[in-house]
Amino acid sequence: MSRTFERPPLLADERTSLTGWLELQRKILRWKCDGLSEEDARRSVIPTSPLMTMAGLMVHARWVEHTWLDVLFLGGDSTPNPSFDESAAEDADWFTDGATLAQVLADYEAQCVHSDEIIAGASLDDVARHPGFPRSQGNLRWILTHLIEETARHAGHADIVRELIDGKQGYY
Protein backbone atom coordinates (compact mmCIF):
# COMPACT_ATOMS: atom_id res chain seq x y z
CA MET A 1 0.00 0.00 0.00
CA SER A 2 2.03 2.91 -1.22
CA ARG A 3 1.31 6.08 -3.06
CA THR A 4 3.09 9.36 -3.44
CA PHE A 5 1.42 12.48 -2.12
CA GLU A 6 2.65 16.05 -2.23
CA ARG A 7 2.70 18.35 0.72
CA PRO A 8 1.97 22.03 0.09
CA PRO A 9 5.00 24.11 -0.94
CA LEU A 10 7.26 25.11 1.95
CA LEU A 11 6.93 28.80 1.08
CA ALA A 12 3.23 28.79 0.27
CA ASP A 13 0.93 31.65 1.15
CA GLU A 14 -1.54 31.01 3.95
CA ARG A 15 -4.52 29.98 1.79
CA THR A 16 -2.41 27.62 -0.34
CA SER A 17 -0.94 26.09 2.79
CA LEU A 18 -4.28 25.58 4.54
CA THR A 19 -6.11 24.20 1.52
CA GLY A 20 -3.08 22.10 0.56
CA TRP A 21 -2.85 20.44 3.97
CA LEU A 22 -6.60 19.80 4.01
CA GLU A 23 -6.51 18.21 0.55
CA LEU A 24 -3.52 16.05 1.50
CA GLN A 25 -5.36 14.66 4.53
CA ARG A 26 -8.48 14.05 2.45
CA LYS A 27 -6.42 12.10 -0.11
CA ILE A 28 -4.81 9.99 2.61
CA LEU A 29 -8.22 9.21 4.09
CA ARG A 30 -9.63 8.16 0.69
CA TRP A 31 -6.47 6.17 -0.10
CA LYS A 32 -6.96 3.97 2.94
CA CYS A 33 -10.13 2.66 1.25
CA ASP A 34 -8.34 1.53 -1.93
CA GLY A 35 -8.99 -2.12 -2.72
CA LEU A 36 -11.35 -2.80 0.18
CA SER A 37 -14.23 -5.19 -0.31
CA GLU A 38 -17.71 -4.12 0.74
CA GLU A 39 -17.48 -6.52 3.67
CA ASP A 40 -14.12 -5.15 4.83
CA ALA A 41 -15.28 -1.54 4.43
CA ARG A 42 -17.96 -2.28 7.04
CA ARG A 43 -15.94 -4.54 9.28
CA SER A 44 -15.68 -3.31 12.84
CA VAL A 45 -12.22 -4.10 14.20
CA ILE A 46 -12.10 -1.91 17.31
CA PRO A 47 -14.37 -3.44 19.98
CA THR A 48 -14.82 -0.19 21.90
CA SER A 49 -15.68 1.78 18.73
CA PRO A 50 -17.97 -0.43 16.63
CA LEU A 51 -18.98 2.39 14.27
CA MET A 52 -15.37 3.10 13.32
CA THR A 53 -15.32 1.18 10.09
CA MET A 54 -13.66 2.46 6.93
CA ALA A 55 -17.06 3.24 5.41
CA GLY A 56 -18.19 4.84 8.68
CA LEU A 57 -15.08 7.03 8.79
CA MET A 58 -15.81 8.28 5.28
CA VAL A 59 -19.46 9.03 6.06
CA HIS A 60 -18.42 10.89 9.21
CA ALA A 61 -15.76 12.89 7.31
CA ARG A 62 -18.40 13.95 4.79
CA TRP A 63 -20.75 15.21 7.49
CA VAL A 64 -17.93 16.99 9.32
CA GLU A 65 -17.20 19.06 6.21
CA HIS A 66 -20.91 19.73 5.74
CA THR A 67 -21.27 20.77 9.38
CA TRP A 68 -18.40 23.24 9.40
CA LEU A 69 -18.68 24.76 5.93
CA ASP A 70 -22.29 24.45 4.78
CA VAL A 71 -24.06 24.82 8.11
CA LEU A 72 -21.84 26.77 10.49
CA PHE A 73 -19.82 28.88 8.04
CA LEU A 74 -22.53 29.64 5.48
CA GLY A 75 -25.46 29.37 7.88
CA GLY A 76 -27.10 26.81 5.60
CA ASP A 77 -29.64 24.06 6.08
CA SER A 78 -28.70 21.49 8.71
CA THR A 79 -31.62 19.11 8.07
CA PRO A 80 -29.83 16.65 5.74
CA ASN A 81 -27.03 16.23 8.29
CA PRO A 82 -27.65 13.53 10.92
CA SER A 83 -25.39 15.40 13.35
CA PHE A 84 -28.16 17.97 13.82
CA ASP A 85 -31.09 15.54 14.06
CA GLU A 86 -32.05 15.44 17.73
CA SER A 87 -34.26 12.38 17.11
CA ALA A 88 -31.42 10.42 15.47
CA ALA A 89 -29.29 7.92 17.30
CA GLU A 90 -26.07 9.14 18.86
CA ASP A 91 -23.25 9.13 16.29
CA ALA A 92 -25.73 8.81 13.40
CA ASP A 93 -23.22 10.70 11.26
CA TRP A 94 -21.19 7.45 11.18
CA PHE A 95 -24.04 5.31 9.79
CA THR A 96 -23.64 4.10 6.21
CA ASP A 97 -27.34 3.24 5.80
CA GLY A 98 -26.48 0.42 3.42
CA ALA A 99 -24.70 2.61 0.87
CA THR A 100 -21.92 0.90 -1.05
CA LEU A 101 -18.34 1.94 -0.42
CA ALA A 102 -18.29 3.45 -3.91
CA GLN A 103 -21.34 5.57 -3.04
CA VAL A 104 -19.90 6.62 0.32
CA LEU A 105 -16.67 7.70 -1.41
CA ALA A 106 -18.62 9.50 -4.15
CA ASP A 107 -20.65 11.36 -1.53
CA TYR A 108 -17.46 12.35 0.29
CA GLU A 109 -15.86 13.49 -2.95
CA ALA A 110 -18.92 15.57 -3.88
CA GLN A 111 -18.89 17.19 -0.44
CA CYS A 112 -15.17 17.99 -0.80
CA VAL A 113 -15.76 19.61 -4.20
CA HIS A 114 -18.61 21.65 -2.72
CA SER A 115 -16.49 22.55 0.31
CA ASP A 116 -13.68 23.71 -1.98
CA GLU A 117 -16.14 25.98 -3.79
CA ILE A 118 -17.20 27.53 -0.48
CA ILE A 119 -13.57 28.03 0.53
CA ALA A 120 -12.62 29.54 -2.82
CA GLY A 121 -15.47 32.05 -2.61
CA ALA A 122 -14.60 33.39 0.82
CA SER A 123 -11.88 35.31 2.58
CA LEU A 124 -9.95 33.60 5.36
CA ASP A 125 -11.15 36.48 7.56
CA ASP A 126 -14.86 35.86 6.85
CA VAL A 127 -16.70 34.85 10.01
CA ALA A 128 -19.13 31.96 10.17
CA ARG A 129 -22.77 33.00 9.89
CA HIS A 130 -24.86 30.43 11.74
CA PRO A 131 -26.50 32.29 14.62
CA GLY A 132 -27.42 29.28 16.73
CA PHE A 133 -24.03 27.78 17.54
CA PRO A 134 -21.31 29.43 19.66
CA ARG A 135 -18.61 27.65 17.64
CA SER A 136 -19.82 29.37 14.53
CA GLN A 137 -18.17 32.60 15.60
CA GLY A 138 -14.81 31.55 14.11
CA ASN A 139 -13.41 32.74 10.84
CA LEU A 140 -12.71 30.56 7.80
CA ARG A 141 -9.04 30.34 8.80
CA TRP A 142 -10.01 28.76 12.14
CA ILE A 143 -12.50 26.41 10.45
CA LEU A 144 -9.91 25.23 7.91
CA THR A 145 -7.39 24.62 10.68
CA HIS A 146 -10.00 22.58 12.53
CA LEU A 147 -10.91 20.60 9.39
CA ILE A 148 -7.23 19.77 8.84
CA GLU A 149 -6.97 18.57 12.44
CA GLU A 150 -10.14 16.49 12.27
CA THR A 151 -9.40 14.97 8.86
CA ALA A 152 -5.82 14.13 9.89
CA ARG A 153 -7.03 12.52 13.12
CA HIS A 154 -9.43 10.33 11.15
CA ALA A 155 -6.73 9.51 8.59
CA GLY A 156 -4.75 8.17 11.55
CA HIS A 157 -7.76 6.14 12.64
CA ALA A 158 -8.01 4.82 9.08
CA ASP A 159 -4.35 3.73 9.23
CA ILE A 160 -5.11 1.59 12.26
CA VAL A 161 -8.43 0.25 11.01
CA ARG A 162 -6.96 -0.72 7.63
CA GLU A 163 -4.00 -2.47 9.23
CA LEU A 164 -6.36 -4.42 11.51
CA ILE A 165 -8.57 -5.36 8.55
CA ASP A 166 -5.94 -6.80 6.23
CA GLY A 167 -2.48 -5.90 7.49
CA LYS A 168 -1.97 -3.26 4.79
CA GLN A 169 0.26 -0.48 5.91
CA GLY A 170 1.23 2.63 4.08
CA TYR A 171 2.66 6.01 4.62
CA TYR A 172 2.94 8.39 1.76
C-alpha atoms as a PDB file:
ATOM      1  CA  MET A   1       0.000   0.000   0.000  1.00  0.00           C
ATOM      2  CA  SER A   2       2.028   2.910  -1.222  1.00  0.00           C
ATOM      3  CA  ARG A   3       1.313   6.078  -3.063  1.00  0.00           C
ATOM      4  CA  THR A   4       3.093   9.360  -3.443  1.00  0.00           C
ATOM      5  CA  PHE A   5       1.424  12.481  -2.122  1.00  0.00           C
ATOM      6  CA  GLU A   6       2.654  16.046  -2.235  1.00  0.00           C
ATOM      7  CA  ARG A   7       2.699  18.355   0.724  1.00  0.00           C
ATOM      8  CA  PRO A   8       1.965  22.034   0.092  1.00  0.00           C
ATOM      9  CA  PRO A   9       5.001  24.105  -0.938  1.00  0.00           C
ATOM     10  CA  LEU A  10       7.264  25.114   1.947  1.00  0.00           C
ATOM     11  CA  LEU A  11       6.933  28.796   1.084  1.00  0.00           C
ATOM     12  CA  ALA A  12       3.228  28.794   0.270  1.00  0.00           C
ATOM     13  CA  ASP A  13       0.929  31.653   1.150  1.00  0.00           C
ATOM     14  CA  GLU A  14      -1.540  31.012   3.953  1.00  0.00           C
ATOM     15  CA  ARG A  15      -4.516  29.978   1.785  1.00  0.00           C
ATOM     16  CA  THR A  16      -2.415  27.622  -0.335  1.00  0.00           C
ATOM     17  CA  SER A  17      -0.938  26.088   2.788  1.00  0.00           C
ATOM     18  CA  LEU A  18      -4.282  25.580   4.544  1.00  0.00           C
ATOM     19  CA  THR A  19      -6.105  24.197   1.525  1.00  0.00           C
ATOM     20  CA  GLY A  20      -3.079  22.097   0.556  1.00  0.00           C
ATOM     21  CA  TRP A  21      -2.846  20.436   3.969  1.00  0.00           C
ATOM     22  CA  LEU A  22      -6.596  19.799   4.008  1.00  0.00           C
ATOM     23  CA  GLU A  23      -6.507  18.213   0.553  1.00  0.00           C
ATOM     24  CA  LEU A  24      -3.520  16.053   1.504  1.00  0.00           C
ATOM     25  CA  GLN A  25      -5.356  14.657   4.533  1.00  0.00           C
ATOM     26  CA  ARG A  26      -8.485  14.046   2.446  1.00  0.00           C
ATOM     27  CA  LYS A  27      -6.420  12.099  -0.106  1.00  0.00           C
ATOM     28  CA  ILE A  28      -4.809   9.993   2.606  1.00  0.00           C
ATOM     29  CA  LEU A  29      -8.222   9.206   4.090  1.00  0.00           C
ATOM     30  CA  ARG A  30      -9.626   8.155   0.687  1.00  0.00           C
ATOM     31  CA  TRP A  31      -6.466   6.166  -0.098  1.00  0.00           C
ATOM     32  CA  LYS A  32      -6.955   3.968   2.938  1.00  0.00           C
ATOM     33  CA  CYS A  33     -10.133   2.660   1.250  1.00  0.00           C
ATOM     34  CA  ASP A  34      -8.341   1.528  -1.928  1.00  0.00           C
ATOM     35  CA  GLY A  35      -8.985  -2.115  -2.718  1.00  0.00           C
ATOM     36  CA  LEU A  36     -11.348  -2.802   0.178  1.00  0.00           C
ATOM     37  CA  SER A  37     -14.227  -5.188  -0.307  1.00  0.00           C
ATOM     38  CA  GLU A  38     -17.715  -4.124   0.742  1.00  0.00           C
ATOM     39  CA  GLU A  39     -17.476  -6.516   3.671  1.00  0.00           C
ATOM     40  CA  ASP A  40     -14.123  -5.147   4.831  1.00  0.00           C
ATOM     41  CA  ALA A  41     -15.284  -1.544   4.433  1.00  0.00           C
ATOM     42  CA  ARG A  42     -17.958  -2.276   7.035  1.00  0.00           C
ATOM     43  CA  ARG A  43     -15.945  -4.541   9.282  1.00  0.00           C
ATOM     44  CA  SER A  44     -15.681  -3.311  12.838  1.00  0.00           C
ATOM     45  CA  VAL A  45     -12.216  -4.101  14.198  1.00  0.00           C
ATOM     46  CA  ILE A  46     -12.096  -1.913  17.313  1.00  0.00           C
ATOM     47  CA  PRO A  47     -14.366  -3.444  19.976  1.00  0.00           C
ATOM     48  CA  THR A  48     -14.819  -0.194  21.902  1.00  0.00           C
ATOM     49  CA  SER A  49     -15.678   1.781  18.726  1.00  0.00           C
ATOM     50  CA  PRO A  50     -17.973  -0.427  16.629  1.00  0.00           C
ATOM     51  CA  LEU A  51     -18.984   2.389  14.270  1.00  0.00           C
ATOM     52  CA  MET A  52     -15.368   3.097  13.321  1.00  0.00           C
ATOM     53  CA  THR A  53     -15.319   1.175  10.086  1.00  0.00           C
ATOM     54  CA  MET A  54     -13.660   2.460   6.933  1.00  0.00           C
ATOM     55  CA  ALA A  55     -17.063   3.242   5.414  1.00  0.00           C
ATOM     56  CA  GLY A  56     -18.186   4.843   8.683  1.00  0.00           C
ATOM     57  CA  LEU A  57     -15.081   7.030   8.788  1.00  0.00           C
ATOM     58  CA  MET A  58     -15.808   8.279   5.279  1.00  0.00           C
ATOM     59  CA  VAL A  59     -19.458   9.030   6.063  1.00  0.00           C
ATOM     60  CA  HIS A  60     -18.421  10.894   9.208  1.00  0.00           C
ATOM     61  CA  ALA A  61     -15.761  12.892   7.311  1.00  0.00           C
ATOM     62  CA  ARG A  62     -18.403  13.945   4.790  1.00  0.00           C
ATOM     63  CA  TRP A  63     -20.749  15.207   7.486  1.00  0.00           C
ATOM     64  CA  VAL A  64     -17.933  16.991   9.316  1.00  0.00           C
ATOM     65  CA  GLU A  65     -17.200  19.061   6.211  1.00  0.00           C
ATOM     66  CA  HIS A  66     -20.910  19.732   5.736  1.00  0.00           C
ATOM     67  CA  THR A  67     -21.266  20.766   9.384  1.00  0.00           C
ATOM     68  CA  TRP A  68     -18.404  23.242   9.397  1.00  0.00           C
ATOM     69  CA  LEU A  69     -18.676  24.765   5.927  1.00  0.00           C
ATOM     70  CA  ASP A  70     -22.294  24.454   4.781  1.00  0.00           C
ATOM     71  CA  VAL A  71     -24.063  24.821   8.107  1.00  0.00           C
ATOM     72  CA  LEU A  72     -21.843  26.767  10.487  1.00  0.00           C
ATOM     73  CA  PHE A  73     -19.825  28.879   8.043  1.00  0.00           C
ATOM     74  CA  LEU A  74     -22.532  29.638   5.482  1.00  0.00           C
ATOM     75  CA  GLY A  75     -25.460  29.375   7.880  1.00  0.00           C
ATOM     76  CA  GLY A  76     -27.096  26.813   5.601  1.00  0.00           C
ATOM     77  CA  ASP A  77     -29.635  24.063   6.083  1.00  0.00           C
ATOM     78  CA  SER A  78     -28.699  21.493   8.705  1.00  0.00           C
ATOM     79  CA  THR A  79     -31.616  19.113   8.070  1.00  0.00           C
ATOM     80  CA  PRO A  80     -29.833  16.655   5.742  1.00  0.00           C
ATOM     81  CA  ASN A  81     -27.030  16.232   8.293  1.00  0.00           C
ATOM     82  CA  PRO A  82     -27.653  13.534  10.923  1.00  0.00           C
ATOM     83  CA  SER A  83     -25.391  15.403  13.354  1.00  0.00           C
ATOM     84  CA  PHE A  84     -28.158  17.967  13.817  1.00  0.00           C
ATOM     85  CA  ASP A  85     -31.088  15.539  14.064  1.00  0.00           C
ATOM     86  CA  GLU A  86     -32.047  15.437  17.727  1.00  0.00           C
ATOM     87  CA  SER A  87     -34.256  12.385  17.114  1.00  0.00           C
ATOM     88  CA  ALA A  88     -31.424  10.416  15.468  1.00  0.00           C
ATOM     89  CA  ALA A  89     -29.288   7.921  17.298  1.00  0.00           C
ATOM     90  CA  GLU A  90     -26.073   9.136  18.861  1.00  0.00           C
ATOM     91  CA  ASP A  91     -23.245   9.127  16.295  1.00  0.00           C
ATOM     92  CA  ALA A  92     -25.732   8.806  13.401  1.00  0.00           C
ATOM     93  CA  ASP A  93     -23.221  10.703  11.260  1.00  0.00           C
ATOM     94  CA  TRP A  94     -21.188   7.449  11.183  1.00  0.00           C
ATOM     95  CA  PHE A  95     -24.042   5.306   9.786  1.00  0.00           C
ATOM     96  CA  THR A  96     -23.636   4.105   6.208  1.00  0.00           C
ATOM     97  CA  ASP A  97     -27.343   3.244   5.801  1.00  0.00           C
ATOM     98  CA  GLY A  98     -26.478   0.418   3.416  1.00  0.00           C
ATOM     99  CA  ALA A  99     -24.698   2.614   0.873  1.00  0.00           C
ATOM    100  CA  THR A 100     -21.917   0.897  -1.047  1.00  0.00           C
ATOM    101  CA  LEU A 101     -18.337   1.944  -0.417  1.00  0.00           C
ATOM    102  CA  ALA A 102     -18.286   3.451  -3.910  1.00  0.00           C
ATOM    103  CA  GLN A 103     -21.341   5.567  -3.043  1.00  0.00           C
ATOM    104  CA  VAL A 104     -19.898   6.617   0.319  1.00  0.00           C
ATOM    105  CA  LEU A 105     -16.667   7.697  -1.409  1.00  0.00           C
ATOM    106  CA  ALA A 106     -18.615   9.502  -4.154  1.00  0.00           C
ATOM    107  CA  ASP A 107     -20.653  11.358  -1.526  1.00  0.00           C
ATOM    108  CA  TYR A 108     -17.463  12.355   0.293  1.00  0.00           C
ATOM    109  CA  GLU A 109     -15.856  13.494  -2.951  1.00  0.00           C
ATOM    110  CA  ALA A 110     -18.918  15.565  -3.881  1.00  0.00           C
ATOM    111  CA  GLN A 111     -18.888  17.186  -0.442  1.00  0.00           C
ATOM    112  CA  CYS A 112     -15.172  17.994  -0.795  1.00  0.00           C
ATOM    113  CA  VAL A 113     -15.764  19.608  -4.198  1.00  0.00           C
ATOM    114  CA  HIS A 114     -18.609  21.650  -2.717  1.00  0.00           C
ATOM    115  CA  SER A 115     -16.486  22.553   0.314  1.00  0.00           C
ATOM    116  CA  ASP A 116     -13.683  23.711  -1.977  1.00  0.00           C
ATOM    117  CA  GLU A 117     -16.142  25.984  -3.791  1.00  0.00           C
ATOM    118  CA  ILE A 118     -17.199  27.528  -0.482  1.00  0.00           C
ATOM    119  CA  ILE A 119     -13.572  28.027   0.533  1.00  0.00           C
ATOM    120  CA  ALA A 120     -12.616  29.544  -2.821  1.00  0.00           C
ATOM    121  CA  GLY A 121     -15.469  32.048  -2.605  1.00  0.00           C
ATOM    122  CA  ALA A 122     -14.595  33.392   0.815  1.00  0.00           C
ATOM    123  CA  SER A 123     -11.882  35.313   2.582  1.00  0.00           C
ATOM    124  CA  LEU A 124      -9.955  33.605   5.361  1.00  0.00           C
ATOM    125  CA  ASP A 125     -11.149  36.478   7.556  1.00  0.00           C
ATOM    126  CA  ASP A 126     -14.861  35.864   6.851  1.00  0.00           C
ATOM    127  CA  VAL A 127     -16.696  34.849  10.012  1.00  0.00           C
ATOM    128  CA  ALA A 128     -19.131  31.963  10.166  1.00  0.00           C
ATOM    129  CA  ARG A 129     -22.770  32.998   9.888  1.00  0.00           C
ATOM    130  CA  HIS A 130     -24.862  30.432  11.737  1.00  0.00           C
ATOM    131  CA  PRO A 131     -26.497  32.289  14.623  1.00  0.00           C
ATOM    132  CA  GLY A 132     -27.423  29.277  16.729  1.00  0.00           C
ATOM    133  CA  PHE A 133     -24.033  27.780  17.542  1.00  0.00           C
ATOM    134  CA  PRO A 134     -21.310  29.427  19.657  1.00  0.00           C
ATOM    135  CA  ARG A 135     -18.606  27.652  17.637  1.00  0.00           C
ATOM    136  CA  SER A 136     -19.819  29.372  14.526  1.00  0.00           C
ATOM    137  CA  GLN A 137     -18.165  32.599  15.599  1.00  0.00           C
ATOM    138  CA  GLY A 138     -14.811  31.550  14.107  1.00  0.00           C
ATOM    139  CA  ASN A 139     -13.405  32.745  10.837  1.00  0.00           C
ATOM    140  CA  LEU A 140     -12.710  30.558   7.800  1.00  0.00           C
ATOM    141  CA  ARG A 141      -9.036  30.342   8.804  1.00  0.00           C
ATOM    142  CA  TRP A 142     -10.010  28.759  12.137  1.00  0.00           C
ATOM    143  CA  ILE A 143     -12.496  26.412  10.451  1.00  0.00           C
ATOM    144  CA  LEU A 144      -9.908  25.232   7.914  1.00  0.00           C
ATOM    145  CA  THR A 145      -7.391  24.617  10.681  1.00  0.00           C
ATOM    146  CA  HIS A 146     -10.000  22.582  12.530  1.00  0.00           C
ATOM    147  CA  LEU A 147     -10.907  20.597   9.387  1.00  0.00           C
ATOM    148  CA  ILE A 148      -7.230  19.774   8.836  1.00  0.00           C
ATOM    149  CA  GLU A 149      -6.972  18.571  12.444  1.00  0.00           C
ATOM    150  CA  GLU A 150     -10.137  16.488  12.273  1.00  0.00           C
ATOM    151  CA  THR A 151      -9.403  14.966   8.863  1.00  0.00           C
ATOM    152  CA  ALA A 152      -5.822  14.130   9.887  1.00  0.00           C
ATOM    153  CA  ARG A 153      -7.033  12.519  13.115  1.00  0.00           C
ATOM    154  CA  HIS A 154      -9.430  10.327  11.154  1.00  0.00           C
ATOM    155  CA  ALA A 155      -6.731   9.509   8.586  1.00  0.00           C
ATOM    156  CA  GLY A 156      -4.750   8.174  11.548  1.00  0.00           C
ATOM    157  CA  HIS A 157      -7.763   6.139  12.643  1.00  0.00           C
ATOM    158  CA  ALA A 158      -8.014   4.818   9.078  1.00  0.00           C
ATOM    159  CA  ASP A 159      -4.348   3.734   9.232  1.00  0.00           C
ATOM    160  CA  ILE A 160      -5.109   1.595  12.260  1.00  0.00           C
ATOM    161  CA  VAL A 161      -8.431   0.254  11.008  1.00  0.00           C
ATOM    162  CA  ARG A 162      -6.961  -0.715   7.633  1.00  0.00           C
ATOM    163  CA  GLU A 163      -4.005  -2.468   9.234  1.00  0.00           C
ATOM    164  CA  LEU A 164      -6.363  -4.417  11.511  1.00  0.00           C
ATOM    165  CA  ILE A 165      -8.569  -5.363   8.546  1.00  0.00           C
ATOM    166  CA  ASP A 166      -5.939  -6.803   6.232  1.00  0.00           C
ATOM    167  CA  GLY A 167      -2.478  -5.898   7.491  1.00  0.00           C
ATOM    168  CA  LYS A 168      -1.972  -3.259   4.794  1.00  0.00           C
ATOM    169  CA  GLN A 169       0.262  -0.476   5.905  1.00  0.00           C
ATOM    170  CA  GLY A 170       1.226   2.630   4.078  1.00  0.00           C
ATOM    171  CA  TYR A 171       2.656   6.007   4.619  1.00  0.00           C
ATOM    172  CA  TYR A 172       2.944   8.387   1.764  1.00  0.00           C
END
